[in-house]
Amino acid sequence: MPASPTSSPPTQESRLGVPRRAWWIGALILILVTGLVSSQRTDQDPNRARAAADRVRGKLTGDLEKKGLKFGDPVFIRIFKAERKPELRVQEQGKTPFKTFRT
């Protein structure tokens, strides 16, 4: 029997018997709520990074000046995976090559 022009199209259901539109709306709500909850985390205190920078800045500035470098110069970090050692290089103002600062 052909469908009448006034009847609505059949809804598509997922394997669980829930209409697909409802499933997608539920998934979207879950994603939004998860994003809101994660943005409310208290362990991401912006003052924590500032406190760490303030704690090490004096010694770091002195160590840089001993090598003719200054705080704020461009930094290049290389990590040697097999040796498990990082290498920190700093570029002097106006000069092209980076100087090895610490390994």
Foldseek 3Di string as FASTA:
>chain_A
DDDDPPDDDDFDADPVRHGPVVVVVVVVVVVVVVVVVVVPDPVPDPVVVVVVCVVCVVVVQVLQVVVVAGPPFDKDWDADVVVRDIWIWGDHPPDDDTHTRDD
